[in-house]
PDB file of N, CA and C in Angstrom:
ATOM      1  N   MET A   1       0.731  21.864  -1.974  1.00  0.00           N
ATOM      2  CA  MET A   1       1.010  20.454  -1.835  1.00  0.00           C
ATOM      3  C   MET A   1      -0.209  19.654  -2.276  1.00  0.00           C
ATOM      4  N   LYS A   2       0.047  18.523  -2.905  1.00  0.00           N
ATOM      5  CA  LYS A   2      -1.025  17.621  -3.297  1.00  0.00           C
ATOM      6  C   LYS A   2      -0.969  16.382  -2.412  1.00  0.00           C
ATOM      7  N   ALA A   3      -2.129  15.723  -2.296  1.00  0.00           N
ATOM      8  CA  ALA A   3      -2.211  14.528  -1.459  1.00  0.00           C
ATOM      9  C   ALA A   3      -3.217  13.552  -2.050  1.00  0.00           C
ATOM     10  N   ILE A   4      -3.115  12.313  -1.601  1.00  0.00           N
ATOM     11  CA  ILE A   4      -4.032  11.255  -1.997  1.00  0.00           C
ATOM     12  C   ILE A   4      -4.922  10.946  -0.792  1.00  0.00           C
ATOM     13  N   VAL A   5      -6.240  11.001  -0.997  1.00  0.00           N
ATOM     14  CA  VAL A   5      -7.194  10.641   0.053  1.00  0.00           C
ATOM     15  C   VAL A   5      -7.854   9.331  -0.374  1.00  0.00           C
ATOM     16  N   SER A   6      -7.849   8.352   0.527  1.00  0.00           N
ATOM     17  CA  SER A   6      -8.521   7.086   0.242  1.00  0.00           C
ATOM     18  C   SER A   6      -9.649   6.880   1.248  1.00  0.00           C
ATOM     19  N   VAL A   7     -10.746   6.303   0.749  1.00  0.00           N
ATOM     20  CA  VAL A   7     -11.927   6.062   1.577  1.00  0.00           C
ATOM     21  C   VAL A   7     -12.430   4.650   1.283  1.00  0.00           C
ATOM     22  N   PHE A   8     -12.624   3.870   2.340  1.00  0.00           N
ATOM     23  CA  PHE A   8     -13.150   2.513   2.211  1.00  0.00           C
ATOM     24  C   PHE A   8     -14.239   2.314   3.251  1.00  0.00           C
ATOM     25  N   ALA A   9     -15.323   1.611   2.856  1.00  0.00           N
ATOM     26  CA  ALA A   9     -16.437   1.379   3.781  1.00  0.00           C
ATOM     27  C   ALA A   9     -17.439   0.424   3.158  1.00  0.00           C
ATOM     28  N   LYS A  10     -18.365  -0.042   3.971  1.00  0.00           N
ATOM     29  CA  LYS A  10     -19.541  -0.697   3.407  1.00  0.00           C
ATOM     30  C   LYS A  10     -20.319   0.393   2.691  1.00  0.00           C
ATOM     31  N   ASP A  11     -20.884   0.056   1.554  1.00  0.00           N
ATOM     32  CA  ASP A  11     -21.576   1.068   0.760  1.00  0.00           C
ATOM     33  C   ASP A  11     -22.805   1.616   1.489  1.00  0.00           C
ATOM     34  N   SER A  12     -22.991   2.904   1.396  1.00  0.00           N
ATOM     35  CA  SER A  12     -24.184   3.570   1.907  1.00  0.00           C
ATOM     36  C   SER A  12     -24.357   4.874   1.128  1.00  0.00           C
ATOM     37  N   LYS A  13     -25.524   5.453   1.221  1.00  0.00           N
ATOM     38  CA  LYS A  13     -25.805   6.689   0.504  1.00  0.00           C
ATOM     39  C   LYS A  13     -25.024   7.850   1.103  1.00  0.00           C
ATOM     40  N   GLY A  14     -24.525   8.716   0.221  1.00  0.00           N
ATOM     41  CA  GLY A  14     -23.947   9.977   0.653  1.00  0.00           C
ATOM     42  C   GLY A  14     -22.482   9.971   1.038  1.00  0.00           C
ATOM     43  N   ILE A  15     -21.753   8.890   0.787  1.00  0.00           N
ATOM     44  CA  ILE A  15     -20.336   8.858   1.188  1.00  0.00           C
ATOM     45  C   ILE A  15     -19.543   9.933   0.453  1.00  0.00           C
ATOM     46  N   ILE A  16     -19.710  10.012  -0.858  1.00  0.00           N
ATOM     47  CA  ILE A  16     -18.951  11.008  -1.628  1.00  0.00           C
ATOM     48  C   ILE A  16     -19.299  12.415  -1.158  1.00  0.00           C
ATOM     49  N   ALA A  17     -20.575  12.689  -0.973  1.00  0.00           N
ATOM     50  CA  ALA A  17     -21.005  14.021  -0.515  1.00  0.00           C
ATOM     51  C   ALA A  17     -20.418  14.345   0.855  1.00  0.00           C
ATOM     52  N   TYR A  18     -20.413  13.363   1.757  1.00  0.00           N
ATOM     53  CA  TYR A  18     -19.897  13.587   3.112  1.00  0.00           C
ATOM     54  C   TYR A  18     -18.412  13.931   3.086  1.00  0.00           C
ATOM     55  N   VAL A  19     -17.637  13.120   2.383  1.00  0.00           N
ATOM     56  CA  VAL A  19     -16.185  13.330   2.372  1.00  0.00           C
ATOM     57  C   VAL A  19     -15.816  14.615   1.639  1.00  0.00           C
ATOM     58  N   THR A  20     -16.442  14.873   0.497  1.00  0.00           N
ATOM     59  CA  THR A  20     -16.104  16.104  -0.222  1.00  0.00           C
ATOM     60  C   THR A  20     -16.537  17.347   0.551  1.00  0.00           C
ATOM     61  N   ALA A  21     -17.602  17.259   1.331  1.00  0.00           N
ATOM     62  CA  ALA A  21     -18.006  18.395   2.180  1.00  0.00           C
ATOM     63  C   ALA A  21     -16.958  18.641   3.263  1.00  0.00           C
ATOM     64  N   LEU A  22     -16.416  17.571   3.848  1.00  0.00           N
ATOM     65  CA  LEU A  22     -15.351  17.729   4.846  1.00  0.00           C
ATOM     66  C   LEU A  22     -14.154  18.449   4.228  1.00  0.00           C
ATOM     67  N   LEU A  23     -13.784  18.041   3.022  1.00  0.00           N
ATOM     68  CA  LEU A  23     -12.649  18.664   2.343  1.00  0.00           C
ATOM     69  C   LEU A  23     -12.938  20.122   2.012  1.00  0.00           C
ATOM     70  N   ALA A  24     -14.127  20.408   1.511  1.00  0.00           N
ATOM     71  CA  ALA A  24     -14.489  21.783   1.150  1.00  0.00           C
ATOM     72  C   ALA A  24     -14.463  22.704   2.368  1.00  0.00           C
ATOM     73  N   GLU A  25     -14.895  22.188   3.521  1.00  0.00           N
ATOM     74  CA  GLU A  25     -14.869  22.987   4.757  1.00  0.00           C
ATOM     75  C   GLU A  25     -13.454  23.425   5.118  1.00  0.00           C
ATOM     76  N   LYS A  26     -12.476  22.640   4.724  1.00  0.00           N
ATOM     77  CA  LYS A  26     -11.073  22.948   5.027  1.00  0.00           C
ATOM     78  C   LYS A  26     -10.355  23.581   3.839  1.00  0.00           C
ATOM     79  N   GLU A  27     -11.130  24.065   2.839  1.00  0.00           N
ATOM     80  CA  GLU A  27     -10.586  24.747   1.649  1.00  0.00           C
ATOM     81  C   GLU A  27      -9.675  23.833   0.829  1.00  0.00           C
ATOM     82  N   ILE A  28     -10.026  22.562   0.750  1.00  0.00           N
ATOM     83  CA  ILE A  28      -9.259  21.587  -0.019  1.00  0.00           C
ATOM     84  C   ILE A  28      -9.993  21.319  -1.327  1.00  0.00           C
ATOM     85  N   ASN A  29      -9.275  21.442  -2.436  1.00  0.00           N
ATOM     86  CA  ASN A  29      -9.857  21.252  -3.754  1.00  0.00           C
ATOM     87  C   ASN A  29      -9.616  19.824  -4.246  1.00  0.00           C
ATOM     88  N   VAL A  30     -10.665  19.171  -4.727  1.00  0.00           N
ATOM     89  CA  VAL A  30     -10.542  17.841  -5.316  1.00  0.00           C
ATOM     90  C   VAL A  30     -10.131  18.012  -6.777  1.00  0.00           C
ATOM     91  N   LEU A  31      -8.979  17.447  -7.145  1.00  0.00           N
ATOM     92  CA  LEU A  31      -8.463  17.565  -8.500  1.00  0.00           C
ATOM     93  C   LEU A  31      -8.884  16.391  -9.380  1.00  0.00           C
ATOM     94  N   ASP A  32      -8.975  15.218  -8.783  1.00  0.00           N
ATOM     95  CA  ASP A  32      -9.370  14.028  -9.523  1.00  0.00           C
ATOM     96  C   ASP A  32      -9.982  13.047  -8.533  1.00  0.00           C
ATOM     97  N   ILE A  33     -10.909  12.228  -9.012  1.00  0.00           N
ATOM     98  CA  ILE A  33     -11.611  11.300  -8.128  1.00  0.00           C
ATOM     99  C   ILE A  33     -11.948  10.029  -8.890  1.00  0.00           C
ATOM    100  N   SER A  34     -11.803   8.917  -8.211  1.00  0.00           N
ATOM    101  CA  SER A  34     -12.193   7.632  -8.758  1.00  0.00           C
ATOM    102  C   SER A  34     -12.885   6.854  -7.649  1.00  0.00           C
ATOM    103  N   GLN A  35     -14.024   6.259  -7.972  1.00  0.00           N
ATOM    104  CA  GLN A  35     -14.731   5.477  -6.968  1.00  0.00           C
ATOM    105  C   GLN A  35     -15.307   4.236  -7.622  1.00  0.00           C
ATOM    106  N   THR A  36     -15.461   3.197  -6.823  1.00  0.00           N
ATOM    107  CA  THR A  36     -16.015   1.955  -7.331  1.00  0.00           C
ATOM    108  C   THR A  36     -16.724   1.198  -6.222  1.00  0.00           C
ATOM    109  N   LEU A  37     -17.556   0.291  -6.627  1.00  0.00           N
ATOM    110  CA  LEU A  37     -18.204  -0.624  -5.695  1.00  0.00           C
ATOM    111  C   LEU A  37     -17.677  -2.018  -5.957  1.00  0.00           C
ATOM    112  N   LEU A  38     -17.295  -2.707  -4.907  1.00  0.00           N
ATOM    113  CA  LEU A  38     -16.875  -4.099  -4.967  1.00  0.00           C
ATOM    114  C   LEU A  38     -17.892  -4.881  -4.148  1.00  0.00           C
ATOM    115  N   GLN A  39     -18.913  -5.372  -4.829  1.00  0.00           N
ATOM    116  CA  GLN A  39     -20.085  -5.974  -4.199  1.00  0.00           C
ATOM    117  C   GLN A  39     -20.684  -4.946  -3.245  1.00  0.00           C
ATOM    118  N   GLU A  40     -20.675  -5.176  -1.940  1.00  0.00           N
ATOM    119  CA  GLU A  40     -21.286  -4.198  -1.026  1.00  0.00           C
ATOM    120  C   GLU A  40     -20.269  -3.221  -0.427  1.00  0.00           C
ATOM    121  N   TYR A  41     -19.048  -3.208  -0.959  1.00  0.00           N
ATOM    122  CA  TYR A  41     -18.000  -2.337  -0.423  1.00  0.00           C
ATOM    123  C   TYR A  41     -17.718  -1.167  -1.360  1.00  0.00           C
ATOM    124  N   PHE A  42     -17.537  -0.001  -0.770  1.00  0.00           N
ATOM    125  CA  PHE A  42     -17.270   1.242  -1.480  1.00  0.00           C
ATOM    126  C   PHE A  42     -15.790   1.564  -1.343  1.00  0.00           C
ATOM    127  N   ALA A  43     -15.161   1.968  -2.438  1.00  0.00           N
ATOM    128  CA  ALA A  43     -13.759   2.392  -2.418  1.00  0.00           C
ATOM    129  C   ALA A  43     -13.624   3.664  -3.254  1.00  0.00           C
ATOM    130  N   MET A  44     -12.894   4.642  -2.719  1.00  0.00           N
ATOM    131  CA  MET A  44     -12.707   5.912  -3.427  1.00  0.00           C
ATOM    132  C   MET A  44     -11.283   6.404  -3.191  1.00  0.00           C
ATOM    133  N   ILE A  45     -10.691   6.935  -4.254  1.00  0.00           N
ATOM    134  CA  ILE A  45      -9.373   7.570  -4.165  1.00  0.00           C
ATOM    135  C   ILE A  45      -9.491   8.938  -4.814  1.00  0.00           C
ATOM    136  N   MET A  46      -8.958   9.950  -4.133  1.00  0.00           N
ATOM    137  CA  MET A  46      -8.999  11.317  -4.654  1.00  0.00           C
ATOM    138  C   MET A  46      -7.608  11.928  -4.635  1.00  0.00           C
ATOM    139  N   LEU A  47      -7.306  12.712  -5.643  1.00  0.00           N
ATOM    140  CA  LEU A  47      -6.129  13.561  -5.653  1.00  0.00           C
ATOM    141  C   LEU A  47      -6.621  14.940  -5.251  1.00  0.00           C
ATOM    142  N   VAL A  48      -6.036  15.510  -4.203  1.00  0.00           N
ATOM    143  CA  VAL A  48      -6.505  16.800  -3.692  1.00  0.00           C
ATOM    144  C   VAL A  48      -5.366  17.803  -3.611  1.00  0.00           C
ATOM    145  N   ASP A  49      -5.734  19.082  -3.640  1.00  0.00           N
ATOM    146  CA  ASP A  49      -4.787  20.189  -3.527  1.00  0.00           C
ATOM    147  C   ASP A  49      -4.961  20.829  -2.153  1.00  0.00           C
ATOM    148  N   LEU A  50      -3.891  20.831  -1.359  1.00  0.00           N
ATOM    149  CA  LEU A  50      -3.934  21.353   0.011  1.00  0.00           C
ATOM    150  C   LEU A  50      -3.446  22.794   0.126  1.00  0.00           C
ATOM    151  N   THR A  51      -3.217  23.450  -0.989  1.00  0.00           N
ATOM    152  CA  THR A  51      -2.627  24.797  -0.991  1.00  0.00           C
ATOM    153  C   THR A  51      -3.336  25.764  -0.039  1.00  0.00           C
ATOM    154  N   ASP A  52      -4.660  25.780  -0.026  1.00  0.00           N
ATOM    155  CA  ASP A  52      -5.410  26.752   0.767  1.00  0.00           C
ATOM    156  C   ASP A  52      -5.863  26.227   2.127  1.00  0.00           C
ATOM    157  N   CYS A  53      -5.482  25.005   2.461  1.00  0.00           N
ATOM    158  CA  CYS A  53      -5.879  24.420   3.746  1.00  0.00           C
ATOM    159  C   CYS A  53      -5.076  25.059   4.878  1.00  0.00           C
ATOM    160  N   GLY A  54      -5.764  25.492   5.909  1.00  0.00           N
ATOM    161  CA  GLY A  54      -5.107  26.157   7.033  1.00  0.00           C
ATOM    162  C   GLY A  54      -4.601  25.220   8.118  1.00  0.00           C
ATOM    163  N   MET A  55      -4.849  23.931   7.980  1.00  0.00           N
ATOM    164  CA  MET A  55      -4.417  22.961   8.992  1.00  0.00           C
ATOM    165  C   MET A  55      -3.070  22.359   8.598  1.00  0.00           C
ATOM    166  N   SER A  56      -2.313  21.918   9.602  1.00  0.00           N
ATOM    167  CA  SER A  56      -1.101  21.167   9.296  1.00  0.00           C
ATOM    168  C   SER A  56      -1.515  19.813   8.733  1.00  0.00           C
ATOM    169  N   PHE A  57      -0.597  19.141   8.047  1.00  0.00           N
ATOM    170  CA  PHE A  57      -0.920  17.845   7.460  1.00  0.00           C
ATOM    171  C   PHE A  57      -1.311  16.843   8.546  1.00  0.00           C
ATOM    172  N   GLY A  58      -0.603  16.844   9.660  1.00  0.00           N
ATOM    173  CA  GLY A  58      -0.909  15.941  10.765  1.00  0.00           C
ATOM    174  C   GLY A  58      -2.290  16.191  11.351  1.00  0.00           C
ATOM    175  N   GLU A  59      -2.631  17.453  11.547  1.00  0.00           N
ATOM    176  CA  GLU A  59      -3.965  17.801  12.061  1.00  0.00           C
ATOM    177  C   GLU A  59      -5.055  17.370  11.084  1.00  0.00           C
ATOM    178  N   LEU A  60      -4.813  17.589   9.810  1.00  0.00           N
ATOM    179  CA  LEU A  60      -5.786  17.212   8.791  1.00  0.00           C
ATOM    180  C   LEU A  60      -5.988  15.699   8.763  1.00  0.00           C
ATOM    181  N   SER A  61      -4.912  14.959   8.842  1.00  0.00           N
ATOM    182  CA  SER A  61      -4.997  13.503   8.847  1.00  0.00           C
ATOM    183  C   SER A  61      -5.829  13.010  10.026  1.00  0.00           C
ATOM    184  N   THR A  62      -5.551  13.534  11.203  1.00  0.00           N
ATOM    185  CA  THR A  62      -6.300  13.160  12.408  1.00  0.00           C
ATOM    186  C   THR A  62      -7.770  13.529  12.273  1.00  0.00           C
ATOM    187  N   TYR A  63      -8.040  14.711  11.750  1.00  0.00           N
ATOM    188  CA  TYR A  63      -9.407  15.196  11.557  1.00  0.00           C
ATOM    189  C   TYR A  63     -10.185  14.284  10.611  1.00  0.00           C
ATOM    190  N   LEU A  64      -9.595  13.970   9.456  1.00  0.00           N
ATOM    191  CA  LEU A  64     -10.289  13.138   8.474  1.00  0.00           C
ATOM    192  C   LEU A  64     -10.542  11.731   9.001  1.00  0.00           C
ATOM    193  N   GLU A  65      -9.558  11.160   9.687  1.00  0.00           N
ATOM    194  CA  GLU A  65      -9.744   9.824  10.249  1.00  0.00           C
ATOM    195  C   GLU A  65     -10.868   9.825  11.286  1.00  0.00           C
ATOM    196  N   ALA A  66     -10.896  10.840  12.156  1.00  0.00           N
ATOM    197  CA  ALA A  66     -11.928  10.920  13.201  1.00  0.00           C
ATOM    198  C   ALA A  66     -13.316  11.133  12.594  1.00  0.00           C
ATOM    199  N   LYS A  67     -13.423  12.056  11.645  1.00  0.00           N
ATOM    200  CA  LYS A  67     -14.719  12.314  11.011  1.00  0.00           C
ATOM    201  C   LYS A  67     -15.180  11.096  10.207  1.00  0.00           C
ATOM    202  N   GLY A  68     -14.246  10.385   9.623  1.00  0.00           N
ATOM    203  CA  GLY A  68     -14.591   9.166   8.913  1.00  0.00           C
ATOM    204  C   GLY A  68     -15.145   8.106   9.856  1.00  0.00           C
ATOM    205  N   ARG A  69     -14.481   7.910  10.983  1.00  0.00           N
ATOM    206  CA  ARG A  69     -14.950   6.926  11.976  1.00  0.00           C
ATOM    207  C   ARG A  69     -16.366   7.234  12.437  1.00  0.00           C
ATOM    208  N   GLU A  70     -16.699   8.518  12.584  1.00  0.00           N
ATOM    209  CA  GLU A  70     -18.056   8.909  12.996  1.00  0.00           C
ATOM    210  C   GLU A  70     -19.107   8.372  12.034  1.00  0.00           C
ATOM    211  N   ARG A  71     -18.739   8.193  10.793  1.00  0.00           N
ATOM    212  CA  ARG A  71     -19.677   7.744   9.747  1.00  0.00           C
ATOM    213  C   ARG A  71     -19.427   6.291   9.335  1.00  0.00           C
ATOM    214  N   GLY A  72     -18.478   5.625   9.999  1.00  0.00           N
ATOM    215  CA  GLY A  72     -18.176   4.235   9.657  1.00  0.00           C
ATOM    216  C   GLY A  72     -17.295   4.093   8.432  1.00  0.00           C
ATOM    217  N   LEU A  73     -16.491   5.126   8.149  1.00  0.00           N
ATOM    218  CA  LEU A  73     -15.610   5.141   6.987  1.00  0.00           C
ATOM    219  C   LEU A  73     -14.158   5.025   7.419  1.00  0.00           C
ATOM    220  N   ASP A  74     -13.359   4.374   6.609  1.00  0.00           N
ATOM    221  CA  ASP A  74     -11.913   4.311   6.809  1.00  0.00           C
ATOM    222  C   ASP A  74     -11.305   5.341   5.864  1.00  0.00           C
ATOM    223  N   VAL A  75     -10.908   6.499   6.400  1.00  0.00           N
ATOM    224  CA  VAL A  75     -10.402   7.608   5.585  1.00  0.00           C
ATOM    225  C   VAL A  75      -8.940   7.856   5.937  1.00  0.00           C
ATOM    226  N   HIS A  76      -8.097   7.898   4.904  1.00  0.00           N
ATOM    227  CA  HIS A  76      -6.670   8.172   5.101  1.00  0.00           C
ATOM    228  C   HIS A  76      -6.194   9.184   4.074  1.00  0.00           C
ATOM    229  N   ILE A  77      -5.156   9.935   4.447  1.00  0.00           N
ATOM    230  CA  ILE A  77      -4.556  10.897   3.529  1.00  0.00           C
ATOM    231  C   ILE A  77      -3.052  10.686   3.546  1.00  0.00           C
ATOM    232  N   GLN A  78      -2.448  10.822   2.365  1.00  0.00           N
ATOM    233  CA  GLN A  78      -1.009  10.649   2.230  1.00  0.00           C
ATOM    234  C   GLN A  78      -0.486  11.696   1.254  1.00  0.00           C
ATOM    235  N   ARG A  79       0.666  12.260   1.578  1.00  0.00           N
ATOM    236  CA  ARG A  79       1.260  13.233   0.660  1.00  0.00           C
ATOM    237  C   ARG A  79       1.537  12.581  -0.688  1.00  0.00           C
ATOM    238  N   GLN A  80       1.283  13.305  -1.771  1.00  0.00           N
ATOM    239  CA  GLN A  80       1.474  12.746  -3.106  1.00  0.00           C
ATOM    240  C   GLN A  80       2.928  12.367  -3.350  1.00  0.00           C
ATOM    241  N   ASP A  81       3.873  13.174  -2.898  1.00  0.00           N
ATOM    242  CA  ASP A  81       5.279  12.862  -3.161  1.00  0.00           C
ATOM    243  C   ASP A  81       5.697  11.551  -2.484  1.00  0.00           C
ATOM    244  N   ILE A  82       5.188  11.298  -1.288  1.00  0.00           N
ATOM    245  CA  ILE A  82       5.494  10.040  -0.599  1.00  0.00           C
ATOM    246  C   ILE A  82       4.800   8.881  -1.312  1.00  0.00           C
ATOM    247  N   PHE A  83       3.550   9.090  -1.698  1.00  0.00           N
ATOM    248  CA  PHE A  83       2.798   8.061  -2.436  1.00  0.00           C
ATOM    249  C   PHE A  83       3.543   7.706  -3.729  1.00  0.00           C
ATOM    250  N   ASP A  84       3.997   8.721  -4.469  1.00  0.00           N
ATOM    251  CA  ASP A  84       4.709   8.491  -5.720  1.00  0.00           C
ATOM    252  C   ASP A  84       6.014   7.726  -5.472  1.00  0.00           C
ATOM    253  N   ALA A  85       6.758   8.116  -4.444  1.00  0.00           N
ATOM    254  CA  ALA A  85       8.024   7.456  -4.138  1.00  0.00           C
ATOM    255  C   ALA A  85       7.821   5.983  -3.763  1.00  0.00           C
ATOM    256  N   MET A  86       6.748   5.692  -3.059  1.00  0.00           N
ATOM    257  CA  MET A  86       6.460   4.308  -2.638  1.00  0.00           C
ATOM    258  C   MET A  86       6.073   3.435  -3.828  1.00  0.00           C
ATOM    259  N   HIS A  87       5.542   4.031  -4.898  1.00  0.00           N
ATOM    260  CA  HIS A  87       5.023   3.254  -6.005  1.00  0.00           C
ATOM    261  C   HIS A  87       5.877   3.362  -7.279  1.00  0.00           C
ATOM    262  N   LYS A  88       7.104   3.866  -7.150  1.00  0.00           N
ATOM    263  CA  LYS A  88       8.014   3.919  -8.292  1.00  0.00           C
ATOM    264  C   LYS A  88       8.686   2.565  -8.454  1.00  0.00           C
ATOM    265  N   VAL A  89       8.871   2.193  -9.687  1.00  0.00           N
ATOM    266  CA  VAL A  89       9.533   0.914  -9.981  1.00  0.00           C
ATOM    267  C   VAL A  89      11.016   1.132 -10.080  1.00  0.00           C
TER     268      VAL A  89
END
């Protein structure tokens, strides 16, 4: 299964490293990544592969949100198929 991970926060050093380390710990592969700065705000969207992740999607979502809050990040994950369905014209 593939999913979309979004990260928003005030910019600080190490956000990409922190989030990708969290994903790597759970055997999640980053397939594509885009990040930008909007003045002092950081925004990142990643396409990830959950094939080897041992957690349920719900557990993973809760984990990422909690670990993000610890660092002052707004982290969310959404299944790619749901994301695609929501954004079809």
